[in-house]
N, C-alpha and C. Protein backbone atom coordinates (compact mmCIF):
# COMPACT_ATOMS: atom_id res chain seq x y z
N MET A 1 0.87 -1.05 0.29
CA MET A 1 -0.20 -0.27 -0.26
C MET A 1 1.09 1.57 -0.11
N PRO A 2 0.41 2.58 -0.44
CA PRO A 2 1.27 3.69 -0.58
C PRO A 2 0.94 4.18 1.18
N PHE A 3 2.74 4.99 1.16
CA PHE A 3 2.79 5.54 2.90
C PHE A 3 1.26 6.23 3.09
N SER A 4 0.64 6.85 2.15
CA SER A 4 -0.76 7.26 2.19
C SER A 4 -1.51 6.49 3.16
N ARG A 5 -2.00 5.64 3.26
CA ARG A 5 -2.51 5.00 3.90
C ARG A 5 -2.38 4.40 5.43
N LEU A 6 -1.03 4.40 5.56
CA LEU A 6 -0.59 4.30 6.49
C LEU A 6 -1.26 4.92 7.80
N THR A 7 -1.32 6.63 7.66
CA THR A 7 -1.96 7.12 8.69
C THR A 7 -3.10 7.94 8.22
N THR A 8 -3.89 8.69 8.45
CA THR A 8 -4.86 9.53 8.08
C THR A 8 -4.07 11.22 8.29
N ALA A 9 -3.53 11.35 8.99
CA ALA A 9 -3.01 12.04 10.10
C ALA A 9 -1.72 12.85 9.27
N TRP A 10 -2.08 12.98 7.84
CA TRP A 10 -0.72 13.81 6.56
C TRP A 10 -1.00 15.48 6.29
N GLN A 11 -0.12 15.94 6.69
CA GLN A 11 -0.16 17.31 6.55
C GLN A 11 1.39 17.53 5.38
N ALA A 12 0.36 18.44 4.08
CA ALA A 12 1.59 18.56 3.18
C ALA A 12 1.63 19.78 3.67
N VAL A 13 3.22 19.28 3.34
CA VAL A 13 4.68 20.76 3.52
C VAL A 13 4.98 21.59 2.71
N PRO A 14 5.09 22.62 2.11
CA PRO A 14 6.14 23.22 0.87
C PRO A 14 7.37 22.68 0.94
N TRP A 15 8.34 22.50 -0.01
CA TRP A 15 9.13 21.66 -0.54
C TRP A 15 10.44 22.70 0.88
N GLU A 16 10.61 24.02 0.60
CA GLU A 16 11.01 24.90 1.00
C GLU A 16 11.29 25.05 2.78
N GLU A 17 9.69 24.67 2.91
CA GLU A 17 10.08 24.75 4.52
C GLU A 17 9.51 23.27 5.05
N ALA A 18 9.78 22.26 3.96
CA ALA A 18 10.29 20.95 4.57
C ALA A 18 11.35 21.37 4.64
N VAL A 19 12.39 21.29 4.42
CA VAL A 19 14.21 21.40 3.89
C VAL A 19 14.23 22.11 4.82
N GLU A 20 14.35 23.48 5.14
CA GLU A 20 14.61 24.55 6.49
C GLU A 20 14.23 23.18 7.95
N ARG A 21 13.12 22.77 7.73
CA ARG A 21 12.25 21.86 8.99
C ARG A 21 13.28 20.45 8.94
N PHE A 22 13.64 19.75 7.86
CA PHE A 22 14.17 18.61 7.84
C PHE A 22 15.51 18.82 7.21
N PRO A 23 16.40 19.18 7.61
CA PRO A 23 17.69 19.60 6.71
C PRO A 23 18.27 18.15 5.80
N PHE A 24 18.50 17.19 6.49
CA PHE A 24 18.52 15.86 6.00
C PHE A 24 18.16 15.51 4.59
N LEU A 25 16.94 16.63 4.41
CA LEU A 25 15.72 16.56 2.70
C LEU A 25 17.23 17.14 1.87
N ALA A 26 17.66 17.56 2.45
CA ALA A 26 18.94 18.28 1.11
C ALA A 26 20.10 17.45 1.29
N GLY A 27 20.16 16.46 1.85
CA GLY A 27 21.48 15.94 2.57
C GLY A 27 22.19 14.94 0.96
N PRO A 28 22.98 13.89 1.17
CA PRO A 28 23.69 13.75 0.11
C PRO A 28 22.73 12.63 -0.22
N ASP A 29 22.59 11.84 0.78
CA ASP A 29 21.83 10.86 0.30
C ASP A 29 20.70 10.93 -0.33
N LEU A 30 19.33 11.69 -0.23
CA LEU A 30 19.29 11.43 -1.09
C LEU A 30 18.83 12.93 -2.63
N GLU A 31 18.50 12.69 -3.48
CA GLU A 31 19.04 13.49 -4.85
C GLU A 31 17.55 13.32 -5.44
N PHE A 32 16.96 14.19 -5.14
CA PHE A 32 15.54 14.06 -5.45
C PHE A 32 15.23 14.61 -6.89
N ASP A 33 16.06 15.66 -7.64
CA ASP A 33 16.16 15.66 -9.13
C ASP A 33 16.59 14.40 -9.38
N ALA A 34 17.02 13.68 -8.86
CA ALA A 34 17.33 12.73 -10.19
C ALA A 34 16.53 11.41 -9.35
N LEU A 35 16.43 10.98 -8.26
CA LEU A 35 15.06 10.47 -8.36
C LEU A 35 13.74 10.19 -8.71
N PHE A 36 13.85 11.66 -8.64
CA PHE A 36 12.21 11.98 -9.25
C PHE A 36 12.86 13.16 -10.27
N SER A 37 11.18 13.45 -11.44
CA SER A 37 11.83 13.88 -12.43
C SER A 37 12.07 15.79 -12.08
N GLU A 38 11.56 15.98 -11.37
CA GLU A 38 12.24 17.13 -10.35
C GLU A 38 12.20 17.36 -9.01
N GLU A 39 12.17 18.56 -7.90
CA GLU A 39 12.04 18.44 -6.99
C GLU A 39 11.17 18.34 -6.45
N PRO A 40 10.04 17.74 -5.42
CA PRO A 40 8.63 17.57 -4.80
C PRO A 40 8.58 19.11 -4.69
N ALA A 41 7.26 19.23 -4.98
CA ALA A 41 6.71 20.38 -5.05
C ALA A 41 5.99 21.02 -3.42
N HIS A 42 6.25 19.73 -2.39
CA HIS A 42 5.62 19.66 -1.20
C HIS A 42 6.31 18.26 -0.73
N VAL A 43 5.89 17.45 1.09
CA VAL A 43 6.46 16.93 1.36
C VAL A 43 4.96 16.36 2.64
N PHE A 44 4.70 15.14 2.96
CA PHE A 44 3.66 14.89 3.38
C PHE A 44 4.36 15.04 4.50
N VAL A 45 4.10 15.14 5.89
CA VAL A 45 4.09 15.32 7.24
C VAL A 45 3.00 14.35 8.10
N HIS A 46 3.60 13.33 8.65
CA HIS A 46 2.92 13.02 10.36
C HIS A 46 3.83 13.46 11.54
N ASP A 47 3.10 14.52 12.14
CA ASP A 47 3.85 14.83 13.62
C ASP A 47 3.57 14.37 14.23
N GLY A 48 4.59 13.58 15.39
CA GLY A 48 4.05 12.52 15.93
C GLY A 48 4.38 11.00 15.98
N ASP A 49 4.63 10.01 17.08
CA ASP A 49 5.00 8.92 16.81
C ASP A 49 3.77 7.68 16.16
N LEU A 50 4.62 6.55 15.39
CA LEU A 50 3.34 6.20 14.59
C LEU A 50 3.30 4.71 15.36
N ALA A 51 2.42 4.18 15.29
CA ALA A 51 2.49 2.71 16.03
C ALA A 51 2.14 1.75 15.61
N LEU A 52 2.17 0.09 14.46
CA LEU A 52 1.47 -0.02 13.45
C LEU A 52 1.50 -1.79 14.34
N ALA A 53 0.70 -2.32 13.88
CA ALA A 53 -0.02 -3.64 14.15
C ALA A 53 -0.02 -5.05 13.03
N GLY A 54 1.19 -5.66 13.39
CA GLY A 54 0.84 -6.70 12.21
C GLY A 54 1.71 -6.35 11.51
N GLY A 55 1.88 -7.06 10.34
CA GLY A 55 2.81 -6.86 9.52
C GLY A 55 2.44 -6.05 8.18
N VAL A 56 3.49 -4.68 8.28
CA VAL A 56 3.21 -4.18 6.86
C VAL A 56 3.71 -3.80 5.80
N ALA A 57 2.94 -3.87 4.40
CA ALA A 57 3.30 -3.73 3.62
C ALA A 57 3.46 -2.86 2.76
N VAL A 58 4.89 -2.03 2.12
CA VAL A 58 4.60 -0.71 1.42
C VAL A 58 5.14 -0.30 0.39
N GLY A 59 5.12 0.52 -0.35
CA GLY A 59 5.93 0.88 -1.49
C GLY A 59 5.10 0.69 -2.86
N CYS A 60 5.74 1.30 -3.93
CA CYS A 60 5.20 1.24 -5.46
C CYS A 60 5.08 -0.19 -5.91
N GLY A 61 5.79 -0.88 -5.60
CA GLY A 61 6.27 -2.09 -5.80
C GLY A 61 4.62 -3.41 -5.19
N ILE A 62 4.31 -2.76 -4.56
CA ILE A 62 3.21 -3.26 -3.77
C ILE A 62 2.07 -4.21 -4.53
N ASP A 63 1.02 -2.61 -5.13
CA ASP A 63 0.42 -2.87 -6.20
C ASP A 63 0.86 -2.14 -7.23
N ASP A 64 0.19 -2.58 -8.49
CA ASP A 64 0.85 -1.79 -9.48
C ASP A 64 0.88 -0.32 -9.72
N ALA A 65 1.46 0.55 -9.82
CA ALA A 65 1.68 1.87 -9.82
C ALA A 65 1.72 2.58 -10.96
N GLY A 66 1.08 2.45 -12.52
CA GLY A 66 0.85 2.53 -13.18
C GLY A 66 0.02 3.35 -13.32
N GLY A 67 -0.08 4.60 -14.37
CA GLY A 67 -1.05 5.91 -13.99
C GLY A 67 -0.69 6.66 -12.40
N ARG A 68 -0.40 5.97 -11.72
CA ARG A 68 -0.66 6.67 -10.48
C ARG A 68 0.40 7.93 -10.16
N GLU A 69 -0.32 8.99 -9.53
CA GLU A 69 0.56 10.24 -9.33
C GLU A 69 1.04 10.54 -7.76
N ASP A 70 1.12 9.26 -6.90
CA ASP A 70 1.81 9.35 -6.09
C ASP A 70 2.81 8.59 -5.79
N VAL A 71 4.02 8.40 -7.20
CA VAL A 71 5.04 7.91 -7.19
C VAL A 71 6.16 8.73 -7.07
N GLU A 72 6.08 9.90 -6.92
CA GLU A 72 7.18 11.05 -6.47
C GLU A 72 6.80 11.59 -5.31
N VAL A 73 6.71 11.19 -4.47
CA VAL A 73 6.22 11.69 -3.21
C VAL A 73 7.24 11.66 -1.89
N VAL A 74 7.16 12.10 -1.16
CA VAL A 74 8.33 11.58 -0.12
C VAL A 74 7.08 12.16 1.32
N HIS A 75 7.38 11.40 2.56
CA HIS A 75 6.60 10.92 3.67
C HIS A 75 7.80 10.74 4.55
N VAL A 76 7.29 11.85 5.70
CA VAL A 76 7.78 12.48 6.91
C VAL A 76 7.13 12.39 8.36
N ILE A 77 7.96 11.05 9.17
CA ILE A 77 7.29 10.89 9.77
C ILE A 77 8.19 11.48 11.23
N ASP A 78 7.31 12.59 11.83
CA ASP A 78 8.79 13.32 12.84
C ASP A 78 8.22 12.48 13.98
N GLY A 79 9.06 11.85 14.34
CA GLY A 79 8.59 10.51 15.55
C GLY A 79 9.44 9.44 15.52
N ASP A 80 8.99 8.37 16.45
CA ASP A 80 9.10 6.95 16.56
C ASP A 80 8.35 6.29 15.09
N VAL A 81 8.63 5.26 14.76
CA VAL A 81 8.03 4.55 14.46
C VAL A 81 8.24 2.66 14.92
N THR A 82 6.98 2.28 15.47
CA THR A 82 6.38 0.79 15.97
C THR A 82 6.09 0.18 15.25
N VAL A 83 6.69 -1.37 14.73
CA VAL A 83 5.87 -2.31 14.15
C VAL A 83 5.41 -3.28 14.77
N GLU A 84 4.42 -3.78 14.89
CA GLU A 84 4.32 -4.97 16.04
C GLU A 84 4.54 -6.36 15.07
N GLY A 85 5.82 -7.03 14.62
CA GLY A 85 6.02 -7.52 13.29
C GLY A 85 6.32 -7.41 12.53
N THR A 86 6.28 -7.37 10.96
CA THR A 86 7.15 -6.92 9.44
C THR A 86 6.93 -5.69 8.94
N LEU A 87 8.00 -5.14 8.59
CA LEU A 87 7.97 -3.99 7.73
C LEU A 87 8.68 -4.42 6.52
N TYR A 88 7.17 -4.83 5.41
CA TYR A 88 7.72 -5.10 3.75
C TYR A 88 7.58 -3.80 2.77
N PHE A 89 8.95 -2.85 2.85
CA PHE A 89 9.09 -2.15 1.61
C PHE A 89 9.71 -2.37 0.22
N HIS A 90 8.80 -2.05 -0.47
CA HIS A 90 9.00 -2.75 -2.00
C HIS A 90 8.73 -1.58 -3.00
N ASN A 91 9.94 -0.97 -3.34
CA ASN A 91 9.56 0.13 -4.73
C ASN A 91 9.77 -0.71 -5.91
N SER A 92 9.23 -0.24 -7.23
CA SER A 92 9.81 -0.87 -8.62
C SER A 92 9.57 -0.06 -9.14
N GLY A 93 10.86 0.81 -9.53
CA GLY A 93 10.66 1.62 -11.06
C GLY A 93 10.21 3.11 -10.85
N HIS A 94 9.81 3.37 -9.56
CA HIS A 94 9.68 4.53 -8.61
C HIS A 94 10.34 4.47 -7.74
N TYR A 95 10.81 5.27 -6.45
CA TYR A 95 11.46 6.40 -5.69
C TYR A 95 10.48 6.34 -4.53
N PRO A 96 9.13 6.44 -4.65
CA PRO A 96 8.59 7.46 -3.55
C PRO A 96 9.36 6.97 -2.39
N THR A 97 9.73 7.96 -1.28
CA THR A 97 10.46 7.91 -0.28
C THR A 97 9.89 7.99 0.95
N LEU A 98 10.23 7.23 2.00
CA LEU A 98 10.06 7.55 3.72
C LEU A 98 11.06 7.99 4.31
N CYS A 99 10.51 9.03 5.17
CA CYS A 99 11.69 9.22 6.05
C CYS A 99 11.33 9.33 7.41
N VAL A 100 12.04 9.04 8.13
CA VAL A 100 11.80 8.45 9.26
C VAL A 100 12.42 9.67 10.60
N THR A 101 11.87 10.96 11.41
CA THR A 101 13.38 11.39 11.98
C THR A 101 13.72 10.56 13.50
N GLY A 102 12.25 10.06 13.86
CA GLY A 102 12.90 9.31 15.43
C GLY A 102 13.85 7.92 15.30
N ALA A 103 13.19 6.68 15.92
CA ALA A 103 13.86 5.73 16.15
C ALA A 103 12.19 4.99 15.10
N VAL A 104 12.98 3.40 14.61
CA VAL A 104 12.08 1.98 13.58
C VAL A 104 12.60 1.32 14.91
N THR A 105 11.63 0.99 15.13
CA THR A 105 11.84 -0.45 15.89
C THR A 105 10.67 -1.76 15.18
N VAL A 106 11.15 -2.76 14.89
CA VAL A 106 10.33 -3.65 14.18
C VAL A 106 11.06 -5.14 14.31
N GLU A 107 10.31 -6.25 14.08
CA GLU A 107 11.06 -6.98 14.31
C GLU A 107 11.54 -8.07 13.59
N ASN A 108 10.67 -8.09 11.91
CA ASN A 108 11.81 -7.92 10.74
C ASN A 108 11.54 -6.96 10.09
N LEU A 109 12.46 -6.44 9.31
CA LEU A 109 12.61 -5.09 7.76
C LEU A 109 13.35 -5.81 6.69
N LEU A 110 12.39 -5.65 5.95
CA LEU A 110 12.78 -6.43 4.28
C LEU A 110 12.54 -5.15 3.53
N CYS A 111 13.60 -4.71 2.92
CA CYS A 111 13.56 -3.66 1.88
C CYS A 111 14.46 -4.17 0.84
N VAL A 112 13.51 -4.18 -0.08
CA VAL A 112 13.57 -4.68 -1.07
C VAL A 112 13.38 -3.52 -2.83
N SER A 113 14.68 -4.35 -3.90
CA SER A 113 13.97 -3.79 -5.35
C SER A 113 15.18 -1.91 -5.19
N GLU A 114 13.66 -0.96 -5.44
CA GLU A 114 14.30 0.19 -5.50
C GLU A 114 13.57 0.85 -4.07
N CYS A 115 13.82 0.51 -3.19
CA CYS A 115 12.82 1.02 -1.52
C CYS A 115 13.75 2.35 -1.27
N VAL A 116 13.28 3.14 -0.68
CA VAL A 116 14.71 4.81 -0.21
C VAL A 116 13.43 4.47 0.86
N LEU A 117 14.33 4.30 2.11
CA LEU A 117 14.04 4.50 3.60
C LEU A 117 15.19 4.98 4.33
N LEU A 118 15.27 6.48 4.75
CA LEU A 118 16.38 6.90 5.71
C LEU A 118 15.50 7.15 7.15
N VAL A 119 16.36 6.60 8.31
CA VAL A 119 16.02 7.00 9.70
C VAL A 119 17.48 7.16 9.82
N ASP A 120 16.48 8.88 10.47
CA ASP A 120 17.66 9.93 11.00
C ASP A 120 17.52 9.58 12.41
N GLY A 121 16.99 8.67 13.33
CA GLY A 121 17.43 7.86 14.30
C GLY A 121 17.82 6.68 14.40
N ALA A 122 17.57 6.34 15.54
CA ALA A 122 18.16 4.84 16.05
C ALA A 122 17.27 3.66 14.58
N LEU A 123 18.00 2.28 14.99
CA LEU A 123 16.67 1.36 14.17
C LEU A 123 17.30 -0.05 15.04
N ARG A 124 16.13 -0.71 14.91
CA ARG A 124 16.26 -1.66 16.43
C ARG A 124 15.37 -2.62 15.05
N VAL A 125 15.97 -4.00 14.61
CA VAL A 125 15.06 -5.09 14.16
C VAL A 125 15.28 -6.02 15.22
N GLY A 126 14.33 -6.45 16.17
CA GLY A 126 14.23 -7.45 16.52
C GLY A 126 15.19 -9.32 16.39
N ASN A 127 14.71 -9.02 15.39
CA ASN A 127 15.07 -10.51 14.21
C ASN A 127 15.65 -10.63 13.17
N LEU A 128 14.98 -10.20 11.94
CA LEU A 128 16.02 -9.95 10.49
C LEU A 128 15.59 -9.01 10.04
N LEU A 129 17.13 -8.93 9.35
CA LEU A 129 16.80 -7.39 7.95
C LEU A 129 17.44 -8.45 6.93
N VAL A 130 16.98 -7.86 6.14
CA VAL A 130 17.11 -8.25 4.71
C VAL A 130 17.41 -7.42 3.35
N THR A 131 18.12 -6.93 3.07
CA THR A 131 17.81 -5.98 2.15
C THR A 131 18.56 -6.28 0.43
N ASP A 132 17.65 -6.18 -0.63
CA ASP A 132 17.90 -6.57 -1.70
C ASP A 132 17.73 -5.14 -2.59
N LEU A 133 18.47 -4.51 -2.26
CA LEU A 133 18.61 -2.74 -3.44
C LEU A 133 19.27 -2.99 -4.46
N TYR A 134 18.57 -2.14 -5.50
CA TYR A 134 19.61 -2.30 -6.49
C TYR A 134 18.89 -0.55 -7.16
N GLU A 135 19.94 -0.27 -8.30
CA GLU A 135 19.22 1.38 -8.67
C GLU A 135 20.16 2.19 -7.65
N ALA A 136 18.73 3.30 -7.47
CA ALA A 136 18.80 3.82 -6.39
C ALA A 136 17.82 3.83 -5.12
N GLY A 137 18.08 2.27 -4.98
CA GLY A 137 17.24 2.30 -3.94
C GLY A 137 18.19 2.30 -2.58
N LEU A 138 17.77 2.68 -1.67
CA LEU A 138 18.76 3.03 -0.19
C LEU A 138 18.06 2.90 1.21
N LEU A 139 18.72 2.33 2.40
CA LEU A 139 18.67 2.16 3.18
C LEU A 139 19.37 2.46 3.93
N SER A 140 19.45 4.52 4.67
CA SER A 140 20.63 5.11 5.35
C SER A 140 19.94 4.85 6.76
N VAL A 141 20.68 4.79 7.71
CA VAL A 141 20.36 4.82 9.34
C VAL A 141 21.62 5.71 9.72
N GLU A 142 21.29 6.59 10.36
CA GLU A 142 21.86 7.36 11.00
C GLU A 142 22.37 7.77 12.24
N GLY A 143 21.35 7.02 13.28
CA GLY A 143 21.47 6.70 14.52
C GLY A 143 22.38 5.27 14.89
N PRO A 144 22.27 4.60 15.81
CA PRO A 144 23.03 3.40 16.27
C PRO A 144 22.27 2.48 15.51
N SER A 145 22.47 1.70 15.28
CA SER A 145 21.77 0.26 14.65
C SER A 145 21.94 -1.32 15.87
N SER A 146 20.79 -2.15 15.80
CA SER A 146 20.74 -3.43 16.76
C SER A 146 19.90 -4.50 15.29
N VAL A 147 20.71 -4.93 15.22
CA VAL A 147 19.90 -5.91 14.00
C VAL A 147 20.31 -7.48 14.69
N GLY A 148 19.22 -8.26 14.76
CA GLY A 148 19.56 -9.97 15.31
C GLY A 148 20.02 -10.68 13.97
N ALA A 149 19.93 -10.16 12.65
CA ALA A 149 20.65 -11.06 12.10
C ALA A 149 20.23 -10.14 10.34
N TRP A 150 21.31 -9.42 10.05
CA TRP A 150 21.26 -9.46 8.45
C TRP A 150 21.53 -9.79 7.19
N LEU A 151 20.34 -10.23 6.26
CA LEU A 151 20.46 -10.85 5.13
C LEU A 151 20.88 -9.77 4.13
N GLN A 152 21.99 -10.02 3.44
CA GLN A 152 22.73 -8.70 2.48
C GLN A 152 22.72 -9.51 1.35
N LEU A 153 21.46 -9.16 0.21
CA LEU A 153 21.86 -9.97 -1.31
C LEU A 153 22.11 -9.02 -1.83
N GLU A 154 22.43 -8.24 -1.77
CA GLU A 154 23.26 -7.08 -2.81
C GLU A 154 24.17 -7.84 -4.01
N LEU A 155 24.09 -7.73 -4.89
CA LEU A 155 25.27 -8.36 -5.38
C LEU A 155 26.45 -7.44 -5.72
N HIS A 156 26.11 -6.11 -5.74
CA HIS A 156 27.21 -5.27 -6.76
C HIS A 156 27.26 -4.46 -4.90
N GLU A 157 27.57 -3.50 -5.13
CA GLU A 157 27.67 -2.01 -4.18
C GLU A 157 26.71 -2.15 -3.17
N PRO A 158 26.45 -2.82 -1.89
CA PRO A 158 25.33 -2.20 -1.26
C PRO A 158 25.24 -0.62 -1.27
N ARG A 159 23.65 -1.07 -0.91
CA ARG A 159 23.11 0.24 -0.83
C ARG A 159 22.48 0.07 0.67
N THR A 160 23.49 -0.27 1.87
CA THR A 160 22.67 0.21 2.99
C THR A 160 23.78 0.72 4.14
N SER A 161 23.26 1.77 4.69
CA SER A 161 24.50 2.45 5.57
C SER A 161 23.62 1.91 6.93
N LEU A 162 24.42 0.90 7.96
CA LEU A 162 23.99 1.52 9.06
C LEU A 162 24.36 2.23 10.05
N GLY A 163 23.79 2.90 11.13
CA GLY A 163 24.73 3.66 12.13
C GLY A 163 25.46 3.12 12.93
N CYS A 164 26.29 3.39 14.25
CA CYS A 164 27.27 2.31 15.28
C CYS A 164 26.72 3.04 16.15
N GLY A 165 27.36 2.32 16.93
CA GLY A 165 27.31 2.76 18.31
C GLY A 165 26.13 2.05 19.18
N GLY A 166 25.24 2.56 20.33
CA GLY A 166 24.68 2.09 21.12
C GLY A 166 24.77 0.57 21.58
N THR A 167 22.95 -0.20 21.24
CA THR A 167 23.27 -1.50 21.79
C THR A 167 23.71 -2.08 19.96
N GLY A 168 24.48 -1.50 19.39
CA GLY A 168 24.90 -2.67 18.16
C GLY A 168 25.11 -1.41 17.55
N SER A 169 26.28 -2.36 16.58
CA SER A 169 26.98 -1.52 15.44
C SER A 169 26.67 -3.20 13.90
N PRO A 170 27.43 -2.18 12.80
CA PRO A 170 27.17 -3.21 12.06
C PRO A 170 28.49 -4.07 12.07
N ALA A 171 29.43 -3.72 12.59
CA ALA A 171 30.56 -4.63 12.91
C ALA A 171 29.66 -5.98 13.93
N GLU A 172 28.82 -6.01 14.71
CA GLU A 172 28.23 -7.24 15.46
C GLU A 172 27.83 -7.57 14.79
N VAL A 173 26.80 -7.08 14.03
CA VAL A 173 26.52 -7.50 13.10
C VAL A 173 25.89 -9.21 12.32
N ARG A 174 25.25 -10.21 12.67
CA ARG A 174 25.68 -11.56 11.73
C ARG A 174 24.85 -11.27 10.20
N ILE A 175 26.22 -11.26 9.37
CA ILE A 175 25.91 -11.49 8.34
C ILE A 175 25.30 -12.72 7.47
N LEU A 176 24.59 -12.16 6.27
CA LEU A 176 24.33 -13.42 5.69
C LEU A 176 24.16 -13.67 4.58
N ARG A 177 24.72 -14.32 3.46
CA ARG A 177 25.15 -14.09 2.37
C ARG A 177 25.29 -15.37 1.43
N PRO A 178 24.01 -15.54 1.04
CA PRO A 178 23.44 -17.26 0.71
C PRO A 178 24.53 -17.38 -0.97
N ALA A 179 25.85 -16.79 -0.95
CA ALA A 179 26.18 -16.43 -2.64
C ALA A 179 27.09 -17.40 -2.57
N GLY A 180 27.82 -18.74 -1.30
CA GLY A 180 28.63 -19.43 -1.85
C GLY A 180 28.33 -20.41 -1.01
N ASP A 181 29.26 -21.61 -0.71
CA ASP A 181 29.29 -22.76 -0.02
C ASP A 181 28.79 -22.33 1.26
N THR A 182 29.86 -21.85 2.50
CA THR A 182 29.67 -21.49 3.45
C THR A 182 28.58 -19.95 3.98
N GLU A 183 28.98 -19.62 3.35
CA GLU A 183 27.50 -18.78 3.71
C GLU A 183 26.12 -19.09 3.16
N ALA A 184 25.81 -19.86 2.01
CA ALA A 184 24.52 -20.37 2.04
C ALA A 184 24.33 -21.71 3.25
N GLU A 185 25.35 -21.84 3.48
CA GLU A 185 25.31 -22.83 5.15
C GLU A 185 24.89 -21.97 5.94
N ALA A 186 25.16 -20.62 6.43
CA ALA A 186 24.75 -19.66 7.98
C ALA A 186 23.70 -19.10 7.14
N ALA A 187 23.31 -19.15 5.73
CA ALA A 187 21.82 -18.72 5.74
C ALA A 187 20.91 -19.93 5.99
N ALA A 188 21.11 -20.87 6.07
CA ALA A 188 20.26 -22.18 6.10
C ALA A 188 20.68 -22.43 7.21
N ALA A 189 20.84 -22.40 8.72
CA ALA A 189 21.01 -22.73 9.71
C ALA A 189 20.30 -21.30 10.13
N VAL A 190 19.60 -20.30 10.00
CA VAL A 190 18.80 -19.39 10.70
C VAL A 190 17.42 -19.29 9.19
N LEU A 191 17.98 -19.48 8.33
CA LEU A 191 16.11 -19.32 7.47
C LEU A 191 15.88 -21.18 7.14
N PRO A 192 13.93 -20.88 7.27
CA PRO A 192 13.41 -22.25 7.62
C PRO A 192 14.00 -22.89 6.06
N PRO A 193 14.15 -24.25 5.74
CA PRO A 193 14.06 -25.00 4.05
C PRO A 193 13.53 -24.52 3.53
N GLU A 194 11.80 -23.82 3.59
CA GLU A 194 10.83 -23.97 2.63
C GLU A 194 11.46 -22.37 2.02
N PHE A 195 12.31 -21.78 2.22
CA PHE A 195 12.93 -20.45 1.30
C PHE A 195 13.58 -21.29 0.55
N PHE A 196 14.33 -21.71 0.45
CA PHE A 196 14.95 -22.57 -1.05
C PHE A 196 14.43 -23.06 -1.66
N ASP A 197 15.50 -22.88 -2.65
CA ASP A 197 15.31 -24.12 -3.82
C ASP A 197 16.78 -24.66 -4.67
N GLY A 198 16.97 -25.64 -3.68
CA GLY A 198 18.32 -26.22 -3.43
C GLY A 198 19.15 -25.09 -2.71
N ASP A 199 20.07 -24.66 -3.44
CA ASP A 199 20.85 -23.43 -2.57
C ASP A 199 20.74 -22.02 -2.63
N ARG A 200 19.36 -22.01 -3.41
CA ARG A 200 19.02 -20.42 -4.01
C ARG A 200 18.25 -20.03 -2.55
N LEU A 201 18.12 -19.13 -2.45
CA LEU A 201 17.24 -18.33 -1.68
C LEU A 201 15.88 -17.79 -2.66
N ASP A 202 14.80 -18.12 -2.84
CA ASP A 202 13.56 -17.04 -2.81
C ASP A 202 13.30 -16.33 -1.93
N VAL A 203 13.62 -14.95 -2.45
CA VAL A 203 13.21 -13.44 -1.82
C VAL A 203 11.52 -13.93 -1.87
N TRP A 204 11.16 -14.04 -2.77
CA TRP A 204 9.94 -13.71 -3.23
C TRP A 204 8.88 -14.39 -1.67
N LYS A 205 9.35 -16.07 -1.56
CA LYS A 205 8.86 -16.73 -0.58
C LYS A 205 9.31 -16.08 0.77
N LEU A 206 10.14 -15.16 0.99
CA LEU A 206 10.40 -15.04 2.44
C LEU A 206 9.35 -13.37 2.58
N ALA A 207 9.58 -13.57 1.74
CA ALA A 207 8.55 -11.74 1.88
C ALA A 207 6.96 -12.20 1.50
N ALA A 208 6.11 -13.33 1.08
CA ALA A 208 5.16 -13.30 0.89
C ALA A 208 4.54 -14.06 2.46
N ALA A 209 5.49 -14.84 3.53
CA ALA A 209 5.54 -15.46 4.08
C ALA A 209 5.69 -13.95 5.45
N ALA A 210 6.28 -12.65 5.55
CA ALA A 210 6.42 -11.83 6.03
C ALA A 210 5.22 -10.56 6.07
N VAL A 211 4.87 -10.54 4.67
CA VAL A 211 3.61 -10.28 5.01
C VAL A 211 2.37 -11.14 5.09
N ALA A 212 2.51 -12.22 5.53
CA ALA A 212 1.71 -12.74 5.92
C ALA A 212 1.39 -13.02 7.76
N GLY A 213 2.60 -12.90 7.85
CA GLY A 213 2.68 -12.80 9.50
C GLY A 213 3.99 -14.26 9.90
N HIS A 214 4.03 -14.46 9.47
CA HIS A 214 4.80 -16.22 9.29
C HIS A 214 6.43 -16.11 9.82
N PRO A 215 6.52 -17.15 10.57
CA PRO A 215 8.06 -16.75 11.26
C PRO A 215 9.22 -16.79 9.72
N LEU A 216 10.00 -16.43 10.24
CA LEU A 216 10.65 -15.62 9.05
C LEU A 216 12.28 -16.75 9.30
N THR A 217 12.32 -16.66 10.80
CA THR A 217 13.85 -17.68 11.16
C THR A 217 13.62 -18.77 11.31
N LEU A 218 14.09 -19.95 12.14
CA LEU A 218 14.24 -21.29 12.59
C LEU A 218 14.29 -20.99 13.64
N GLY A 219 13.19 -20.92 14.51
CA GLY A 219 12.63 -21.02 15.98
C GLY A 219 11.55 -20.06 16.49
N ALA A 220 11.54 -19.12 15.56
CA ALA A 220 10.84 -18.08 15.92
C ALA A 220 9.56 -18.12 16.18
N VAL A 221 8.79 -17.41 16.51
CA VAL A 221 7.04 -17.71 17.23
C VAL A 221 6.28 -16.75 16.50
N ALA A 222 5.56 -17.24 15.71
CA ALA A 222 4.24 -16.32 15.04
C ALA A 222 4.08 -15.40 16.39
N PRO A 223 3.86 -13.87 16.08
CA PRO A 223 2.46 -13.54 16.44
C PRO A 223 1.51 -14.10 16.66
N ASP A 224 0.73 -13.96 17.82
CA ASP A 224 -0.55 -14.05 18.01
C ASP A 224 -1.94 -13.11 16.78
N ARG A 225 -2.62 -13.92 16.62
CA ARG A 225 -3.33 -13.56 15.59
C ARG A 225 -5.22 -13.32 16.39
N PRO A 226 -6.16 -12.16 15.99
CA PRO A 226 -7.00 -12.21 16.56
C PRO A 226 -8.14 -13.13 16.22
């Protein structure tokens, strides 16, 4: 779903005012004249923390983006974001952007394809972080990062930057890359066998399980459902 459905409390803020309020919008990580056809006219801002229950799937790759006018947009959550379960972020062919000024706390986080997610605060992933980014896709975290296991699927230059300090740093994160025999064994020691086709990981099966609220790692327990 598009970010606009995460909450109804969005306020359209003119671009110049938004950049003055959120200087990171003009920073080196987000080059909107390259991501979009031009700089956005305004930014949609949610003031305050946002808590979301269950698995959440966002991005233009979730639904058909053909003909939509919301693919060259920026949403800023001015506060913390807490997701009880999994956040699955998938852009495809477009770069609608989500920025969070506070901390993001989530059980599992999947950033796929051309997802653009900037976290100005801390990132706390209790279980599994999956990054499979390319082109201008980006996951950038300024604050301290705490991640259980990081499944890094980028084949070329990584498009992920995790902040250091606090309760964890990238050097302390268990990184799983199912590309070679040893690395595939490491990934298979964490992920259930149904996500593999032989030695090849099927990231789309992993994503479908995430959206459905199923466990993503061995020993994980599915959250209670109403």
